Amino acid sequence: MKKYLFLAVALLGLSASAQDISLPQPVKKGGMPLMEALNNRASAREFSSEALDHQTLSNLLWAAWGYNRADKRTAPSANNKQELSLYVVLAGGAYLYDARSNKLLLVNAGDHRASTGKQPFVAGAPLNLVFVEDVNKKGWGKTDAGFISQNVYLYCASAGLATVVRGMFDAAALKVSLKLADHQQPVLTQTVGKKK
């Protein structure tokens, strides 16, 4: 009986802690000059396991794929199809980035970081981004993912963070982890964290 009571309490605690995350407003001023950020842009494959604070996460996601005008984003989208969604995979769950409300919407509780790539470091890094294309919109998903990923690189260079973009992942497993529909396809992943 005690075993079942403990399990029930543990499950309730897990479901209570796994929820949407409201992010603070992104800071849109300051940062490193562009030429310095380009000079510091690099790929890394070693990351501290320390979680990123919500302000850094908000700034990063806005730089990646936020709105900088009423109907336009910080990265271009061919024919303004905006066929990509940005998923955020943290230790506590997988989330969809809602740029309009500046929130992370929980799609799957639990630690799904290992499903975002085949390299060993992805499971311990604090953040993995997944660029997901809606193939029904018939856009240029892979090209647009490249634009967004470069924004992430430049933000990381400016903020002193480590990052690497990755194409090695099991798309079928990732679709399950992110609870994607048939018309949604992961096209690229990117790991972000503090430097080790």
C-alpha atoms as a PDB file:
ATOM      1  CA  MET A   1       0.000   0.000   0.000  1.00  0.00           C
ATOM      2  CA  LYS A   2       2.779   2.440   0.934  1.00  0.00           C
ATOM      3  CA  LYS A   3       4.474   1.670  -2.384  1.00  0.00           C
ATOM      4  CA  TYR A   4       1.339   2.658  -4.361  1.00  0.00           C
ATOM      5  CA  LEU A   5       0.774   5.772  -2.253  1.00  0.00           C
ATOM      6  CA  PHE A   6       4.377   6.857  -2.872  1.00  0.00           C
ATOM      7  CA  LEU A   7       3.970   6.235  -6.618  1.00  0.00           C
ATOM      8  CA  ALA A   8       0.733   8.258  -6.718  1.00  0.00           C
ATOM      9  CA  VAL A   9       2.347  11.175  -4.868  1.00  0.00           C
ATOM     10  CA  ALA A  10       5.372  11.044  -7.174  1.00  0.00           C
ATOM     11  CA  LEU A  11       3.173  11.089 -10.280  1.00  0.00           C
ATOM     12  CA  LEU A  12       1.146  13.997  -8.917  1.00  0.00           C
ATOM     13  CA  GLY A  13       4.362  15.908  -8.217  1.00  0.00           C
ATOM     14  CA  LEU A  14       5.596  15.224 -11.747  1.00  0.00           C
ATOM     15  CA  SER A  15       2.375  16.407 -13.353  1.00  0.00           C
ATOM     16  CA  ALA A  16       2.246  19.489 -11.116  1.00  0.00           C
ATOM     17  CA  SER A  17       5.778  20.530 -12.034  1.00  0.00           C
ATOM     18  CA  ALA A  18       5.380  19.899 -15.773  1.00  0.00           C
ATOM     19  CA  GLN A  19       3.479  22.865 -17.169  1.00  0.00           C
ATOM     20  CA  ASP A  20       3.665  25.735 -19.621  1.00  0.00           C
ATOM     21  CA  ILE A  21       6.411  28.269 -18.921  1.00  0.00           C
ATOM     22  CA  SER A  22       5.765  32.006 -19.219  1.00  0.00           C
ATOM     23  CA  LEU A  23       9.000  33.735 -20.165  1.00  0.00           C
ATOM     24  CA  PRO A  24      10.038  37.282 -19.234  1.00  0.00           C
ATOM     25  CA  GLN A  25      10.064  39.854 -22.017  1.00  0.00           C
ATOM     26  CA  PRO A  26      13.210  39.484 -24.142  1.00  0.00           C
ATOM     27  CA  VAL A  27      15.884  42.149 -23.852  1.00  0.00           C
ATOM     28  CA  LYS A  28      16.213  43.552 -27.357  1.00  0.00           C
ATOM     29  CA  LYS A  29      19.018  46.055 -26.810  1.00  0.00           C
ATOM     30  CA  GLY A  30      22.722  45.694 -26.185  1.00  0.00           C
ATOM     31  CA  GLY A  31      24.827  42.668 -26.884  1.00  0.00           C
ATOM     32  CA  MET A  32      28.092  42.286 -28.697  1.00  0.00           C
ATOM     33  CA  PRO A  33      28.740  44.254 -31.914  1.00  0.00           C
ATOM     34  CA  LEU A  34      27.940  42.167 -35.001  1.00  0.00           C
ATOM     35  CA  MET A  35      31.520  41.928 -36.289  1.00  0.00           C
ATOM     36  CA  GLU A  36      32.709  40.638 -32.896  1.00  0.00           C
ATOM     37  CA  ALA A  37      29.854  38.112 -32.759  1.00  0.00           C
ATOM     38  CA  LEU A  38      30.777  36.859 -36.234  1.00  0.00           C
ATOM     39  CA  ASN A  39      34.390  36.566 -35.130  1.00  0.00           C
ATOM     40  CA  ASN A  40      33.338  34.558 -32.045  1.00  0.00           C
ATOM     41  CA  ARG A  41      30.779  32.338 -33.826  1.00  0.00           C
ATOM     42  CA  ALA A  42      31.796  28.696 -33.363  1.00  0.00           C
ATOM     43  CA  SER A  43      30.435  25.184 -32.853  1.00  0.00           C
ATOM     44  CA  ALA A  44      30.955  23.361 -29.567  1.00  0.00           C
ATOM     45  CA  ARG A  45      30.340  19.808 -28.471  1.00  0.00           C
ATOM     46  CA  GLU A  46      30.930  20.171 -24.746  1.00  0.00           C
ATOM     47  CA  PHE A  47      28.316  21.819 -22.563  1.00  0.00           C
ATOM     48  CA  SER A  48      27.811  22.507 -18.880  1.00  0.00           C
ATOM     49  CA  SER A  49      24.726  20.715 -17.551  1.00  0.00           C
ATOM     50  CA  GLU A  50      23.636  23.912 -15.764  1.00  0.00           C
ATOM     51  CA  ALA A  51      20.153  25.040 -16.841  1.00  0.00           C
ATOM     52  CA  LEU A  52      19.731  28.355 -18.625  1.00  0.00           C
ATOM     53  CA  ASP A  53      17.771  30.996 -16.704  1.00  0.00           C
ATOM     54  CA  HIS A  54      14.428  32.111 -18.123  1.00  0.00           C
ATOM     55  CA  GLN A  55      15.700  35.541 -19.212  1.00  0.00           C
ATOM     56  CA  THR A  56      18.497  33.990 -21.282  1.00  0.00           C
ATOM     57  CA  LEU A  57      16.033  31.486 -22.732  1.00  0.00           C
ATOM     58  CA  SER A  58      13.616  34.287 -23.646  1.00  0.00           C
ATOM     59  CA  ASN A  59      16.362  36.350 -25.304  1.00  0.00           C
ATOM     60  CA  LEU A  60      17.659  33.318 -27.213  1.00  0.00           C
ATOM     61  CA  LEU A  61      14.249  32.241 -28.513  1.00  0.00           C
ATOM     62  CA  TRP A  62      13.303  35.769 -29.547  1.00  0.00           C
ATOM     63  CA  ALA A  63      16.609  36.128 -31.418  1.00  0.00           C
ATOM     64  CA  ALA A  64      16.010  32.752 -33.061  1.00  0.00           C
ATOM     65  CA  TRP A  65      12.407  33.028 -34.223  1.00  0.00           C
ATOM     66  CA  GLY A  66      10.551  35.797 -32.402  1.00  0.00           C
ATOM     67  CA  TYR A  67       8.486  38.593 -33.886  1.00  0.00           C
ATOM     68  CA  ASN A  68      10.286  41.861 -34.581  1.00  0.00           C
ATOM     69  CA  ARG A  69       7.341  43.331 -36.553  1.00  0.00           C
ATOM     70  CA  ALA A  70       3.602  42.691 -36.457  1.00  0.00           C
ATOM     71  CA  ASP A  71       3.702  39.764 -38.901  1.00  0.00           C
ATOM     72  CA  LYS A  72       7.420  39.169 -39.512  1.00  0.00           C
ATOM     73  CA  ARG A  73      10.043  37.223 -37.621  1.00  0.00           C
ATOM     74  CA  THR A  74      13.689  37.752 -36.674  1.00  0.00           C
ATOM     75  CA  ALA A  75      14.678  35.267 -39.400  1.00  0.00           C
ATOM     76  CA  PRO A  76      13.411  35.290 -42.992  1.00  0.00           C
ATOM     77  CA  SER A  77      10.914  32.767 -44.305  1.00  0.00           C
ATOM     78  CA  ALA A  78      10.625  32.133 -48.046  1.00  0.00           C
ATOM     79  CA  ASN A  79       7.399  33.704 -49.360  1.00  0.00           C
ATOM     80  CA  ASN A  80       6.548  34.409 -45.704  1.00  0.00           C
ATOM     81  CA  LYS A  81       5.196  30.841 -45.383  1.00  0.00           C
ATOM     82  CA  GLN A  82       6.473  30.635 -41.789  1.00  0.00           C
ATOM     83  CA  GLU A  83       6.303  26.862 -42.073  1.00  0.00           C
ATOM     84  CA  LEU A  84       8.644  26.215 -39.150  1.00  0.00           C
ATOM     85  CA  SER A  85       7.858  25.695 -35.487  1.00  0.00           C
ATOM     86  CA  LEU A  86      10.540  25.832 -32.844  1.00  0.00           C
ATOM     87  CA  TYR A  87      10.486  23.136 -30.172  1.00  0.00           C
ATOM     88  CA  VAL A  88      12.462  23.498 -26.953  1.00  0.00           C
ATOM     89  CA  VAL A  89      13.608  20.330 -25.192  1.00  0.00           C
ATOM     90  CA  LEU A  90      14.675  20.802 -21.570  1.00  0.00           C
ATOM     91  CA  ALA A  91      15.338  18.339 -18.750  1.00  0.00           C
ATOM     92  CA  GLY A  92      11.723  18.650 -17.543  1.00  0.00           C
ATOM     93  CA  GLY A  93       9.892  18.392 -20.843  1.00  0.00           C
ATOM     94  CA  ALA A  94       9.475  19.155 -24.516  1.00  0.00           C
ATOM     95  CA  TYR A  95       7.809  22.466 -25.347  1.00  0.00           C
ATOM     96  CA  LEU A  96       6.553  24.417 -28.344  1.00  0.00           C
ATOM     97  CA  TYR A  97       7.783  28.021 -28.445  1.00  0.00           C
ATOM     98  CA  ASP A  98       4.799  30.379 -28.779  1.00  0.00           C
ATOM     99  CA  ALA A  99       6.472  33.562 -29.987  1.00  0.00           C
ATOM    100  CA  ARG A 100       3.270  35.637 -29.872  1.00  0.00           C
ATOM    101  CA  SER A 101       2.714  35.091 -26.155  1.00  0.00           C
ATOM    102  CA  ASN A 102       6.393  34.474 -25.309  1.00  0.00           C
ATOM    103  CA  LYS A 103       5.609  31.127 -23.681  1.00  0.00           C
ATOM    104  CA  LEU A 104       6.791  27.560 -23.816  1.00  0.00           C
ATOM    105  CA  LEU A 105       3.767  25.303 -24.265  1.00  0.00           C
ATOM    106  CA  LEU A 106       4.264  21.854 -22.785  1.00  0.00           C
ATOM    107  CA  VAL A 107       3.838  19.067 -25.334  1.00  0.00           C
ATOM    108  CA  ASN A 108       5.411  16.152 -23.464  1.00  0.00           C
ATOM    109  CA  ALA A 109       6.573  16.019 -19.842  1.00  0.00           C
ATOM    110  CA  GLY A 110       9.766  14.183 -18.939  1.00  0.00           C
ATOM    111  CA  ASP A 111      13.343  14.241 -20.161  1.00  0.00           C
ATOM    112  CA  HIS A 112      13.402  13.796 -23.945  1.00  0.00           C
ATOM    113  CA  ARG A 113      16.791  15.403 -24.624  1.00  0.00           C
ATOM    114  CA  ALA A 114      18.406  12.125 -25.729  1.00  0.00           C
ATOM    115  CA  SER A 115      15.834  11.788 -28.529  1.00  0.00           C
ATOM    116  CA  THR A 116      17.075  15.012 -30.149  1.00  0.00           C
ATOM    117  CA  GLY A 117      20.270  13.502 -31.523  1.00  0.00           C
ATOM    118  CA  LYS A 118      22.650  10.604 -31.819  1.00  0.00           C
ATOM    119  CA  GLN A 119      25.653  12.325 -30.251  1.00  0.00           C
ATOM    120  CA  PRO A 120      26.250  11.507 -26.561  1.00  0.00           C
ATOM    121  CA  PHE A 121      26.376  15.142 -25.395  1.00  0.00           C
ATOM    122  CA  VAL A 122      22.750  15.949 -26.323  1.00  0.00           C
ATOM    123  CA  ALA A 123      21.285  14.028 -23.372  1.00  0.00           C
ATOM    124  CA  GLY A 124      23.179  16.095 -20.785  1.00  0.00           C
ATOM    125  CA  ALA A 125      23.101  19.538 -22.408  1.00  0.00           C
ATOM    126  CA  PRO A 126      20.512  21.851 -20.831  1.00  0.00           C
ATOM    127  CA  LEU A 127      18.727  22.801 -24.068  1.00  0.00           C
ATOM    128  CA  ASN A 128      18.085  21.237 -27.445  1.00  0.00           C
ATOM    129  CA  LEU A 129      16.133  23.110 -30.107  1.00  0.00           C
ATOM    130  CA  VAL A 130      14.236  21.223 -32.787  1.00  0.00           C
ATOM    131  CA  PHE A 131      13.201  22.944 -36.018  1.00  0.00           C
ATOM    132  CA  VAL A 132       9.966  21.348 -37.248  1.00  0.00           C
ATOM    133  CA  GLU A 133       8.493  21.939 -40.698  1.00  0.00           C
ATOM    134  CA  ASP A 134       4.798  21.881 -41.545  1.00  0.00           C
ATOM    135  CA  VAL A 135       5.099  20.164 -44.936  1.00  0.00           C
ATOM    136  CA  ASN A 136       1.531  21.178 -45.865  1.00  0.00           C
ATOM    137  CA  LYS A 137       2.715  24.796 -46.175  1.00  0.00           C
ATOM    138  CA  LYS A 138       5.126  23.821 -48.974  1.00  0.00           C
ATOM    139  CA  GLY A 139       7.851  26.225 -47.901  1.00  0.00           C
ATOM    140  CA  TRP A 140      11.630  26.006 -47.785  1.00  0.00           C
ATOM    141  CA  GLY A 141      11.916  24.445 -44.335  1.00  0.00           C
ATOM    142  CA  LYS A 142      15.543  23.370 -44.463  1.00  0.00           C
ATOM    143  CA  THR A 143      16.681  26.738 -45.787  1.00  0.00           C
ATOM    144  CA  ASP A 144      14.619  28.645 -43.237  1.00  0.00           C
ATOM    145  CA  ALA A 145      15.922  26.402 -40.434  1.00  0.00           C
ATOM    146  CA  GLY A 146      19.423  27.462 -41.501  1.00  0.00           C
ATOM    147  CA  PHE A 147      18.487  31.131 -41.088  1.00  0.00           C
ATOM    148  CA  ILE A 148      17.072  30.541 -37.607  1.00  0.00           C
ATOM    149  CA  SER A 149      20.017  28.409 -36.558  1.00  0.00           C
ATOM    150  CA  GLN A 150      22.422  31.178 -37.599  1.00  0.00           C
ATOM    151  CA  ASN A 151      20.487  33.629 -35.407  1.00  0.00           C
ATOM    152  CA  VAL A 152      21.019  31.171 -32.537  1.00  0.00           C
ATOM    153  CA  TYR A 153      24.748  31.023 -33.323  1.00  0.00           C
ATOM    154  CA  LEU A 154      25.061  34.813 -33.302  1.00  0.00           C
ATOM    155  CA  TYR A 155      23.080  35.182 -30.078  1.00  0.00           C
ATOM    156  CA  CYS A 156      25.234  32.500 -28.421  1.00  0.00           C
ATOM    157  CA  ALA A 157      28.435  34.214 -29.584  1.00  0.00           C
ATOM    158  CA  SER A 158      27.174  37.509 -28.158  1.00  0.00           C
ATOM    159  CA  ALA A 159      25.990  35.980 -24.862  1.00  0.00           C
ATOM    160  CA  GLY A 160      29.035  33.738 -24.301  1.00  0.00           C
ATOM    161  CA  LEU A 161      27.081  30.501 -24.754  1.00  0.00           C
ATOM    162  CA  ALA A 162      28.080  27.324 -26.592  1.00  0.00           C
ATOM    163  CA  THR A 163      26.043  25.866 -29.462  1.00  0.00           C
ATOM    164  CA  VAL A 164      26.169  23.378 -32.317  1.00  0.00           C
ATOM    165  CA  VAL A 165      23.676  22.666 -35.078  1.00  0.00           C
ATOM    166  CA  ARG A 166      23.053  18.976 -35.807  1.00  0.00           C
ATOM    167  CA  GLY A 167      21.502  16.864 -38.531  1.00  0.00           C
ATOM    168  CA  MET A 168      22.103  13.463 -36.900  1.00  0.00           C
ATOM    169  CA  PHE A 169      18.850  12.414 -35.230  1.00  0.00           C
ATOM    170  CA  ASP A 170      16.208   9.709 -35.487  1.00  0.00           C
ATOM    171  CA  ALA A 171      13.264  11.614 -37.005  1.00  0.00           C
ATOM    172  CA  ALA A 172      10.725   8.882 -36.145  1.00  0.00           C
ATOM    173  CA  ALA A 173      11.752   8.813 -32.459  1.00  0.00           C
ATOM    174  CA  LEU A 174      11.780  12.600 -32.312  1.00  0.00           C
ATOM    175  CA  LYS A 175       8.263  12.764 -33.776  1.00  0.00           C
ATOM    176  CA  VAL A 176       7.087  10.542 -30.913  1.00  0.00           C
ATOM    177  CA  SER A 177       8.909  12.596 -28.241  1.00  0.00           C
ATOM    178  CA  LEU A 178       7.441  15.846 -29.577  1.00  0.00           C
ATOM    179  CA  LYS A 179       4.004  14.313 -30.325  1.00  0.00           C
ATOM    180  CA  LEU A 180       4.151  15.608 -33.893  1.00  0.00           C
ATOM    181  CA  ALA A 181       1.374  15.152 -36.447  1.00  0.00           C
ATOM    182  CA  ASP A 182       1.925  13.369 -39.771  1.00  0.00           C
ATOM    183  CA  HIS A 183       2.401  16.680 -41.601  1.00  0.00           C
ATOM    184  CA  GLN A 184       5.146  17.828 -39.194  1.00  0.00           C
ATOM    185  CA  GLN A 185       8.751  16.870 -39.912  1.00  0.00           C
ATOM    186  CA  PRO A 186      11.882  17.607 -37.836  1.00  0.00           C
ATOM    187  CA  VAL A 187      14.487  19.102 -40.169  1.00  0.00           C
ATOM    188  CA  LEU A 188      17.315  20.252 -37.884  1.00  0.00           C
ATOM    189  CA  THR A 189      18.348  20.267 -34.233  1.00  0.00           C
ATOM    190  CA  GLN A 190      20.625  22.571 -32.258  1.00  0.00           C
ATOM    191  CA  THR A 191      22.152  22.210 -28.815  1.00  0.00           C
ATOM    192  CA  VAL A 192      22.719  25.244 -26.572  1.00  0.00           C
ATOM    193  CA  GLY A 193      24.264  25.603 -23.150  1.00  0.00           C
ATOM    194  CA  LYS A 194      26.889  27.273 -21.058  1.00  0.00           C
ATOM    195  CA  LYS A 195      30.477  26.547 -21.984  1.00  0.00           C
ATOM    196  CA  LYS A 196      32.086  23.669 -20.119  1.00  0.00           C
END
